[in-house]
């Protein structure tokens, strides 16, 4: 397996890693309450998933 003949500088490695950022999570709209939620998860506002109530959420 080939190995580098010379060590790469810190700057060169950091330049390569500038795009390693974490993006914002995508959001979808809950069909029950129209609040934004993460896709494929139970809505934290109303407790519904795929048209069924999964958890009971006490209203404030």
PDB file of N, CA and C in Angstrom:
ATOM      1  N   UNK A   1       0.846  -1.180   0.000  1.00  0.00           N
ATOM      2  CA  UNK A   1       0.000   0.000   0.000  1.00  0.00           C
ATOM      3  C   UNK A   1       0.892   1.244   0.000  1.00  0.00           C
ATOM      4  N   UNK A   2       0.623   2.200  -0.878  1.00  0.00           N
ATOM      5  CA  UNK A   2       1.505   3.366  -0.963  1.00  0.00           C
ATOM      6  C   UNK A   2       1.347   4.289   0.243  1.00  0.00           C
ATOM      7  N   UNK A   3       2.454   4.854   0.646  1.00  0.00           N
ATOM      8  CA  UNK A   3       2.473   5.797   1.755  1.00  0.00           C
ATOM      9  C   UNK A   3       2.992   7.135   1.254  1.00  0.00           C
ATOM     10  N   UNK A   4       2.569   8.231   1.860  1.00  0.00           N
ATOM     11  CA  UNK A   4       3.075   9.530   1.418  1.00  0.00           C
ATOM     12  C   UNK A   4       4.567   9.677   1.740  1.00  0.00           C
ATOM     13  N   UNK A   5       5.282  10.246   0.820  1.00  0.00           N
ATOM     14  CA  UNK A   5       6.724  10.408   1.018  1.00  0.00           C
ATOM     15  C   UNK A   5       7.005  11.550   1.998  1.00  0.00           C
ATOM     16  N   UNK A   6       6.185  12.582   1.947  1.00  0.00           N
ATOM     17  CA  UNK A   6       6.341  13.719   2.850  1.00  0.00           C
ATOM     18  C   UNK A   6       5.030  13.936   3.615  1.00  0.00           C
ATOM     19  N   UNK A   7       5.156  14.523   4.775  1.00  0.00           N
ATOM     20  CA  UNK A   7       3.989  14.814   5.597  1.00  0.00           C
ATOM     21  C   UNK A   7       3.223  16.000   5.011  1.00  0.00           C
ATOM     22  N   UNK A   8       1.890  15.906   5.021  1.00  0.00           N
ATOM     23  CA  UNK A   8       1.072  17.036   4.569  1.00  0.00           C
ATOM     24  C   UNK A   8       1.007  18.071   5.687  1.00  0.00           C
ATOM     25  N   UNK A   9       1.020  19.324   5.321  1.00  0.00           N
ATOM     26  CA  UNK A   9       0.988  20.385   6.316  1.00  0.00           C
ATOM     27  C   UNK A   9      -0.406  20.476   6.949  1.00  0.00           C
ATOM     28  N   UNK A  10      -0.486  21.140   8.106  1.00  0.00           N
ATOM     29  CA  UNK A  10      -1.770  21.334   8.782  1.00  0.00           C
ATOM     30  C   UNK A  10      -2.732  22.134   7.910  1.00  0.00           C
ATOM     31  N   UNK A  11      -2.190  23.127   7.215  1.00  0.00           N
ATOM     32  CA  UNK A  11      -3.023  23.961   6.360  1.00  0.00           C
ATOM     33  C   UNK A  11      -3.639  23.153   5.231  1.00  0.00           C
ATOM     34  N   UNK A  12      -2.851  22.279   4.646  1.00  0.00           N
ATOM     35  CA  UNK A  12      -3.364  21.480   3.528  1.00  0.00           C
ATOM     36  C   UNK A  12      -4.485  20.544   3.979  1.00  0.00           C
ATOM     37  N   UNK A  13      -4.319  19.935   5.142  1.00  0.00           N
ATOM     38  CA  UNK A  13      -5.374  19.067   5.657  1.00  0.00           C
ATOM     39  C   UNK A  13      -6.617  19.841   6.030  1.00  0.00           C
ATOM     40  N   UNK A  14      -6.451  21.010   6.618  1.00  0.00           N
ATOM     41  CA  UNK A  14      -7.599  21.833   7.020  1.00  0.00           C
ATOM     42  C   UNK A  14      -8.342  22.400   5.819  1.00  0.00           C
ATOM     43  N   UNK A  15      -7.612  22.688   4.747  1.00  0.00           N
ATOM     44  CA  UNK A  15      -8.273  23.158   3.524  1.00  0.00           C
ATOM     45  C   UNK A  15      -9.185  22.080   2.955  1.00  0.00           C
ATOM     46  N   UNK A  16      -8.760  20.839   3.053  1.00  0.00           N
ATOM     47  CA  UNK A  16      -9.569  19.732   2.556  1.00  0.00           C
ATOM     48  C   UNK A  16     -10.821  19.531   3.422  1.00  0.00           C
ATOM     49  N   UNK A  17     -10.723  19.812   4.702  1.00  0.00           N
ATOM     50  CA  UNK A  17     -11.835  19.558   5.620  1.00  0.00           C
ATOM     51  C   UNK A  17     -12.795  20.736   5.780  1.00  0.00           C
ATOM     52  N   UNK A  18     -12.667  21.781   4.989  1.00  0.00           N
ATOM     53  CA  UNK A  18     -13.540  22.942   5.166  1.00  0.00           C
ATOM     54  C   UNK A  18     -14.994  22.640   4.844  1.00  0.00           C
ATOM     55  N   UNK A  19     -15.271  21.601   4.071  1.00  0.00           N
ATOM     56  CA  UNK A  19     -16.641  21.287   3.677  1.00  0.00           C
ATOM     57  C   UNK A  19     -17.259  20.195   4.531  1.00  0.00           C
ATOM     58  N   UNK A  20     -16.654  19.839   5.649  1.00  0.00           N
ATOM     59  CA  UNK A  20     -17.169  18.779   6.509  1.00  0.00           C
ATOM     60  C   UNK A  20     -18.220  19.294   7.486  1.00  0.00           C
ATOM     61  N   UNK A  21     -19.011  20.259   7.100  1.00  0.00           N
ATOM     62  CA  UNK A  21     -19.987  20.833   8.020  1.00  0.00           C
ATOM     63  C   UNK A  21     -21.274  20.015   8.014  1.00  0.00           C
ATOM     64  N   UNK A  22     -22.003  20.113   9.097  1.00  0.00           N
ATOM     65  CA  UNK A  22     -23.262  19.409   9.243  1.00  0.00           C
ATOM     66  C   UNK A  22     -24.388  20.344   8.812  1.00  0.00           C
ATOM     67  N   UNK A  23     -25.240  19.869   7.917  1.00  0.00           N
ATOM     68  CA  UNK A  23     -26.343  20.690   7.424  1.00  0.00           C
ATOM     69  C   UNK A  23     -27.530  20.694   8.371  1.00  0.00           C
ATOM     70  N   UNK A  24     -28.416  21.630   8.167  1.00  0.00           N
ATOM     71  CA  UNK A  24     -29.619  21.712   8.989  1.00  0.00           C
ATOM     72  C   UNK A  24     -30.560  20.563   8.635  1.00  0.00           C
ATOM     73  N   UNK A  25     -31.272  19.998   9.625  1.00  0.00           N
ATOM     74  CA  UNK A  25     -32.177  18.886   9.322  1.00  0.00           C
ATOM     75  C   UNK A  25     -33.365  19.357   8.499  1.00  0.00           C
ATOM     76  N   UNK A  26     -33.830  18.489   7.600  1.00  0.00           N
ATOM     77  CA  UNK A  26     -34.976  18.852   6.775  1.00  0.00           C
ATOM     78  C   UNK A  26     -36.246  18.780   7.615  1.00  0.00           C
ATOM     79  N   UNK A  27     -37.217  19.562   7.253  1.00  0.00           N
ATOM     80  CA  UNK A  27     -38.485  19.619   7.983  1.00  0.00           C
ATOM     81  C   UNK A  27     -39.623  19.283   7.035  1.00  0.00           C
ATOM     82  N   UNK A  28     -40.655  18.649   7.572  1.00  0.00           N
ATOM     83  CA  UNK A  28     -41.878  18.406   6.814  1.00  0.00           C
ATOM     84  C   UNK A  28     -43.037  18.968   7.626  1.00  0.00           C
ATOM     85  N   UNK A  29     -44.195  19.043   7.010  1.00  0.00           N
ATOM     86  CA  UNK A  29     -45.370  19.612   7.672  1.00  0.00           C
ATOM     87  C   UNK A  29     -46.262  18.473   8.142  1.00  0.00           C
ATOM     88  N   UNK A  30     -46.723  18.553   9.375  1.00  0.00           N
ATOM     89  CA  UNK A  30     -47.628  17.549   9.937  1.00  0.00           C
ATOM     90  C   UNK A  30     -48.995  17.704   9.266  1.00  0.00           C
ATOM     91  N   UNK A  31     -49.565  16.620   8.731  1.00  0.00           N
ATOM     92  CA  UNK A  31     -50.872  16.743   8.077  1.00  0.00           C
ATOM     93  C   UNK A  31     -52.020  16.990   9.054  1.00  0.00           C
ATOM     94  N   UNK A  32     -51.828  16.699  10.338  1.00  0.00           N
ATOM     95  CA  UNK A  32     -52.887  16.902  11.331  1.00  0.00           C
ATOM     96  C   UNK A  32     -52.952  18.352  11.804  1.00  0.00           C
ATOM     97  N   UNK A  33     -51.814  18.859  12.292  1.00  0.00           N
ATOM     98  CA  UNK A  33     -51.812  20.182  12.927  1.00  0.00           C
ATOM     99  C   UNK A  33     -51.065  21.242  12.131  1.00  0.00           C
ATOM    100  N   UNK A  34     -50.468  20.879  10.991  1.00  0.00           N
ATOM    101  CA  UNK A  34     -49.745  21.809  10.106  1.00  0.00           C
ATOM    102  C   UNK A  34     -48.532  22.459  10.770  1.00  0.00           C
ATOM    103  N   UNK A  35     -47.965  21.813  11.773  1.00  0.00           N
ATOM    104  CA  UNK A  35     -46.749  22.312  12.416  1.00  0.00           C
ATOM    105  C   UNK A  35     -45.536  21.642  11.767  1.00  0.00           C
ATOM    106  N   UNK A  36     -44.378  22.298  11.735  1.00  0.00           N
ATOM    107  CA  UNK A  36     -43.193  21.645  11.181  1.00  0.00           C
ATOM    108  C   UNK A  36     -42.699  20.543  12.111  1.00  0.00           C
ATOM    109  N   UNK A  37     -42.255  19.427  11.509  1.00  0.00           N
ATOM    110  CA  UNK A  37     -41.737  18.302  12.278  1.00  0.00           C
ATOM    111  C   UNK A  37     -40.672  17.600  11.456  1.00  0.00           C
ATOM    112  N   UNK A  38     -39.904  16.729  12.095  1.00  0.00           N
ATOM    113  CA  UNK A  38     -38.914  15.932  11.381  1.00  0.00           C
ATOM    114  C   UNK A  38     -39.630  14.825  10.620  1.00  0.00           C
ATOM    115  N   UNK A  39     -39.187  14.521   9.399  1.00  0.00           N
ATOM    116  CA  UNK A  39     -39.870  13.478   8.625  1.00  0.00           C
ATOM    117  C   UNK A  39     -39.694  12.096   9.258  1.00  0.00           C
ATOM    118  N   UNK A  40     -40.707  11.242   9.108  1.00  0.00           N
ATOM    119  CA  UNK A  40     -40.721   9.867   9.611  1.00  0.00           C
ATOM    120  C   UNK A  40     -40.641   9.800  11.132  1.00  0.00           C
ATOM    121  N   UNK A  41     -41.203  10.790  11.816  1.00  0.00           N
ATOM    122  CA  UNK A  41     -41.228  10.801  13.274  1.00  0.00           C
ATOM    123  C   UNK A  41     -42.584  11.287  13.755  1.00  0.00           C
ATOM    124  N   UNK A  42     -42.923  10.934  14.984  1.00  0.00           N
ATOM    125  CA  UNK A  42     -44.181  11.365  15.578  1.00  0.00           C
ATOM    126  C   UNK A  42     -44.129  12.876  15.781  1.00  0.00           C
ATOM    127  N   UNK A  43     -45.233  13.539  15.491  1.00  0.00           N
ATOM    128  CA  UNK A  43     -45.302  14.993  15.656  1.00  0.00           C
ATOM    129  C   UNK A  43     -45.273  15.320  17.151  1.00  0.00           C
ATOM    130  N   UNK A  44     -44.349  16.173  17.594  1.00  0.00           N
ATOM    131  CA  UNK A  44     -44.296  16.504  19.019  1.00  0.00           C
ATOM    132  C   UNK A  44     -45.429  17.415  19.467  1.00  0.00           C
ATOM    133  N   UNK A  45     -46.140  18.047  18.529  1.00  0.00           N
ATOM    134  CA  UNK A  45     -47.204  18.979  18.889  1.00  0.00           C
ATOM    135  C   UNK A  45     -48.537  18.273  19.098  1.00  0.00           C
ATOM    136  N   UNK A  46     -48.864  17.316  18.212  1.00  0.00           N
ATOM    137  CA  UNK A  46     -50.169  16.651  18.318  1.00  0.00           C
ATOM    138  C   UNK A  46     -50.065  15.168  18.633  1.00  0.00           C
ATOM    139  N   UNK A  47     -48.904  14.550  18.441  1.00  0.00           N
ATOM    140  CA  UNK A  47     -48.723  13.145  18.778  1.00  0.00           C
ATOM    141  C   UNK A  47     -49.176  12.173  17.709  1.00  0.00           C
ATOM    142  N   UNK A  48     -49.451  12.641  16.495  1.00  0.00           N
ATOM    143  CA  UNK A  48     -49.928  11.773  15.417  1.00  0.00           C
ATOM    144  C   UNK A  48     -48.780  11.363  14.501  1.00  0.00           C
ATOM    145  N   UNK A  49     -48.920  10.163  13.920  1.00  0.00           N
ATOM    146  CA  UNK A  49     -47.994   9.671  12.905  1.00  0.00           C
ATOM    147  C   UNK A  49     -48.797   8.811  11.948  1.00  0.00           C
ATOM    148  N   UNK A  50     -48.740   9.150  10.661  1.00  0.00           N
ATOM    149  CA  UNK A  50     -49.469   8.444   9.602  1.00  0.00           C
ATOM    150  C   UNK A  50     -50.970   8.349   9.902  1.00  0.00           C
ATOM    151  N   UNK A  51     -51.537   9.429  10.407  1.00  0.00           N
ATOM    152  CA  UNK A  51     -52.976   9.486  10.627  1.00  0.00           C
ATOM    153  C   UNK A  51     -53.464   8.815  11.898  1.00  0.00           C
ATOM    154  N   UNK A  52     -52.566   8.272  12.706  1.00  0.00           N
ATOM    155  CA  UNK A  52     -52.964   7.620  13.953  1.00  0.00           C
ATOM    156  C   UNK A  52     -52.336   8.318  15.128  1.00  0.00           C
ATOM    157  N   UNK A  53     -53.050   8.367  16.258  1.00  0.00           N
ATOM    158  CA  UNK A  53     -52.505   8.983  17.453  1.00  0.00           C
ATOM    159  C   UNK A  53     -51.588   7.973  18.131  1.00  0.00           C
ATOM    160  N   UNK A  54     -50.324   8.315  18.254  1.00  0.00           N
ATOM    161  CA  UNK A  54     -49.321   7.420  18.841  1.00  0.00           C
ATOM    162  C   UNK A  54     -49.097   7.762  20.308  1.00  0.00           C
ATOM    163  N   UNK A  55     -48.941   9.031  20.606  1.00  0.00           N
ATOM    164  CA  UNK A  55     -48.763   9.486  21.977  1.00  0.00           C
ATOM    165  C   UNK A  55     -49.805  10.541  22.285  1.00  0.00           C
ATOM    166  N   UNK A  56     -50.192  10.635  23.528  1.00  0.00           N
ATOM    167  CA  UNK A  56     -51.141  11.683  23.939  1.00  0.00           C
ATOM    168  C   UNK A  56     -50.345  12.887  24.417  1.00  0.00           C
ATOM    169  N   UNK A  57     -50.660  14.045  23.871  1.00  0.00           N
ATOM    170  CA  UNK A  57     -49.987  15.277  24.223  1.00  0.00           C
ATOM    171  C   UNK A  57     -50.978  16.137  24.971  1.00  0.00           C
ATOM    172  N   UNK A  58     -50.597  16.528  26.177  1.00  0.00           N
ATOM    173  CA  UNK A  58     -51.488  17.375  26.986  1.00  0.00           C
ATOM    174  C   UNK A  58     -51.378  18.810  26.489  1.00  0.00           C
ATOM    175  N   UNK A  59     -52.521  19.443  26.200  1.00  0.00           N
ATOM    176  CA  UNK A  59     -52.534  20.821  25.715  1.00  0.00           C
ATOM    177  C   UNK A  59     -52.238  21.812  26.832  1.00  0.00           C
ATOM    178  N   UNK A  60     -51.623  22.883  26.471  1.00  0.00           N
ATOM    179  CA  UNK A  60     -51.274  23.889  27.486  1.00  0.00           C
ATOM    180  C   UNK A  60     -52.391  24.904  27.636  1.00  0.00           C
TER     181      UNK A  60
END
